Amino acid sequence: MVLLTLSFFVTCYRVVAGPTLPDRIMALDMLVGVVIGFIAVVGVKTGYYLYVDIAIALGLVGFLATVAFARFVLERDMPEGDREEVGRKAGAE
């Protein structure tokens, strides 16, 4: 629990002070991992294994959020012509 708490605070610092948007996105992904760790530890300590299911659901939501943020960053840095071409290719598939 001490290591999880320490990593939680370090990750929160990175979210707030991250110099770039990708750094903040990675920190948010790490923060989800730390919270999953907290939930899993509490679930195992209390013997109430519904927490493990909640941790799995949170992991799925965190993964989808990270993919969405990554796509946002990727499209944000593209020139307008490339963005339209990628959109057409994605629509054709």
Foldseek 3Di string as FASTA:
>chain_A
DVVLVVLLVVLVCCLVPVPDPVSNLVSLLVNLVSVLVVLVVVCVVVVPCVSNVVSVVSNVVSVVVSVVSVVVVVLVPDDPVVNVVVVVVVVVD
